[in-house]
Every structure is written in C-alpha cells, then in structure tokens.
C-alpha cells in the first residue's frame, strides 16, 4: 500500500499488504487504513501515527475471496463480501479464478478495537 499526500503528490509511505487487494478504505476518525486481500484472505490494517508516519498493525485473517469492502465511517465497522469457492479444476491455470458455490454468499462484519 502506498500512502500519498494528495496536496503535493509526494509518497509518504509504502507498506506491505496481503495478496490480491481489491479494495482500500480509510477511517480518519480512528486513523486507520485498510486493504481487503482476497487471494490470501486477509485484511491489512495500517495505522496513522502522525501525518508522516504510517505502520502496518498486521494482517487479520478473513476468508479467501473476501475482497469487496465498505467502511461505516460512524462506527468504524468494516463489511466484507465473501462466498465459498469451489476447488480449482485439475487443469486450471495457476491463479485462475475459482467458481462460487451457489447460495454461499456471506457478509463479514469486523468491528474496530474498543478503547
């Protein structure tokens, strides 16, 4: 993840995140940024220490395929859409997209830490 000063265009930080990032969200109230990473099934959590310092707090395990994300700015709750995935076909190319198991779509809710 790259953090950029939108006024100057200058790169402030470059942080490692999970594989297969689909969405990013910023929570200015709690000073966090997030990346949903569907390939490895994680949510990368970045903290803004100050305007020039950003650190990776870690990668929270979600589920493989959970990519599409929304953030409620009032509560800080993150919503991730996921579904069960069929096993890859024996002749599938490496990294090929797997089919969704019908009827398995779910919505994951992740609340910010209290305190």
Protein backbone atom coordinates (compact mmCIF):
# COMPACT_ATOMS: atom_id res chain seq x y z
CA UNK A 1 0.00 0.00 0.00
CA UNK A 2 1.27 3.42 -0.92
CA UNK A 3 0.29 6.46 1.16
CA UNK A 4 0.37 9.71 -0.82
CA UNK A 5 0.00 13.34 0.24
CA UNK A 6 -2.86 14.40 -2.04
CA UNK A 7 -1.85 18.08 -1.86
CA UNK A 8 1.73 17.55 -3.05
CA UNK A 9 1.62 14.13 -4.74
CA UNK A 10 4.59 13.07 -2.59
CA UNK A 11 4.77 9.45 -1.43
CA UNK A 12 4.76 9.32 2.37
CA UNK A 13 4.93 5.58 3.00
CA UNK A 14 5.00 2.23 1.25
CA UNK A 15 3.72 -0.69 3.33
CA UNK A 16 3.42 -4.44 2.69
CA UNK A 17 -0.12 -5.78 2.43
CA UNK A 18 -1.71 -9.13 1.61
CA UNK A 19 -2.06 -10.60 -1.90
CA UNK A 20 -4.97 -9.85 -4.19
CA UNK A 21 -6.00 -6.45 -2.90
CA UNK A 22 -9.41 -5.46 -4.24
CA UNK A 23 -10.43 -2.53 -2.06
CA UNK A 24 -8.95 0.07 0.24
CA UNK A 25 -10.69 2.20 2.83
CA UNK A 26 -9.64 4.99 5.15
CA UNK A 27 -11.06 5.68 8.61
CA UNK A 28 -9.86 9.20 9.50
CA UNK A 29 -11.80 9.18 12.79
CA UNK A 30 -9.72 6.24 14.11
CA UNK A 31 -6.67 6.96 11.92
CA UNK A 32 -6.63 3.58 10.17
CA UNK A 33 -6.43 2.45 6.56
CA UNK A 34 -7.42 -0.99 5.31
CA UNK A 35 -6.82 -3.25 2.33
CA UNK A 36 -9.00 -6.30 1.67
CA UNK A 37 -6.88 -9.06 0.15
CA UNK A 38 -8.94 -11.80 -1.44
CA UNK A 39 -6.14 -14.10 -2.62
CA UNK A 40 -4.73 -14.76 0.84
CA UNK A 41 -7.94 -13.96 2.75
CA UNK A 42 -6.68 -11.15 4.93
CA UNK A 43 -7.46 -7.57 5.88
CA UNK A 44 -4.31 -5.44 6.15
CA UNK A 45 -4.59 -2.80 8.87
CA UNK A 46 -2.48 0.35 8.71
CA UNK A 47 -2.29 2.94 11.50
CA UNK A 48 -1.52 6.62 11.01
CA UNK A 49 0.79 7.63 13.88
CA UNK A 50 1.08 11.19 12.54
CA UNK A 51 0.85 12.86 9.12
CA UNK A 52 4.25 11.44 8.11
CA UNK A 53 4.26 8.05 9.88
CA UNK A 54 2.19 5.02 8.90
CA UNK A 55 2.74 1.49 10.25
CA UNK A 56 1.34 -1.92 9.44
CA UNK A 57 -0.51 -3.22 12.51
CA UNK A 58 -0.96 -6.61 10.89
CA UNK A 59 -2.99 -8.78 8.57
CA UNK A 60 -6.22 -10.04 10.10
CA UNK A 61 -7.38 -13.42 8.73
CA UNK A 62 -10.77 -13.18 6.99
CA UNK A 63 -11.56 -15.75 4.30
CA UNK A 64 -10.16 -16.44 0.84
CA UNK A 65 -12.13 -14.45 -1.71
CA UNK A 66 -13.27 -11.70 0.71
CA UNK A 67 -12.42 -8.67 -1.40
CA UNK A 68 -15.26 -6.20 -1.80
CA UNK A 69 -15.25 -3.89 1.22
CA UNK A 70 -17.20 -0.99 2.72
CA UNK A 71 -16.45 1.01 5.86
CA UNK A 72 -19.08 2.64 8.08
CA UNK A 73 -17.46 5.98 8.98
CA UNK A 74 -19.54 6.42 12.14
CA UNK A 75 -18.86 3.06 13.78
CA UNK A 76 -15.63 2.03 12.04
CA UNK A 77 -17.24 -1.32 11.20
CA UNK A 78 -15.89 -2.97 8.05
CA UNK A 79 -18.13 -5.05 5.81
CA UNK A 80 -16.58 -7.69 3.53
CA UNK A 81 -18.46 -9.75 0.96
CA UNK A 82 -17.32 -13.35 0.64
CA UNK A 83 -18.51 -16.73 -0.62
CA UNK A 84 -17.34 -20.31 -0.51
CA UNK A 85 -15.23 -21.20 -3.52
CA UNK A 86 -15.21 -24.46 -5.45
CA UNK A 87 -11.99 -26.43 -5.55
CA UNK A 88 -9.85 -25.47 -8.54
CA UNK A 89 -10.17 -27.71 -11.58
CA UNK A 90 -7.29 -30.14 -12.05
CA UNK A 91 -6.33 -28.45 -15.33
CA UNK A 92 -6.84 -24.85 -14.09
CA UNK A 93 -4.05 -22.37 -14.74
CA UNK A 94 -2.20 -21.09 -11.69
CA UNK A 95 -4.11 -18.15 -10.23
CA UNK A 96 -7.29 -18.91 -12.20
CA UNK A 97 -10.46 -17.57 -10.62
CA UNK A 98 -12.47 -20.26 -8.83
CA UNK A 99 -16.24 -20.59 -9.15
CA UNK A 100 -18.51 -19.52 -6.29
CA UNK A 101 -20.52 -22.22 -4.56
CA UNK A 102 -24.17 -21.29 -5.22
CA UNK A 103 -26.01 -19.97 -2.15
CA UNK A 104 -22.85 -19.44 -0.10
CA UNK A 105 -22.52 -15.65 -0.27
CA UNK A 106 -22.00 -14.08 3.15
CA UNK A 107 -21.29 -10.68 4.67
CA UNK A 108 -18.48 -10.45 7.22
CA UNK A 109 -18.58 -7.69 9.87
CA UNK A 110 -15.38 -6.55 11.56
CA UNK A 111 -15.60 -4.02 14.38
CA UNK A 112 -12.70 -1.76 15.41
CA UNK A 113 -11.00 -2.48 18.72
CA UNK A 114 -12.55 -0.80 21.74
CA UNK A 115 -10.55 1.70 23.71
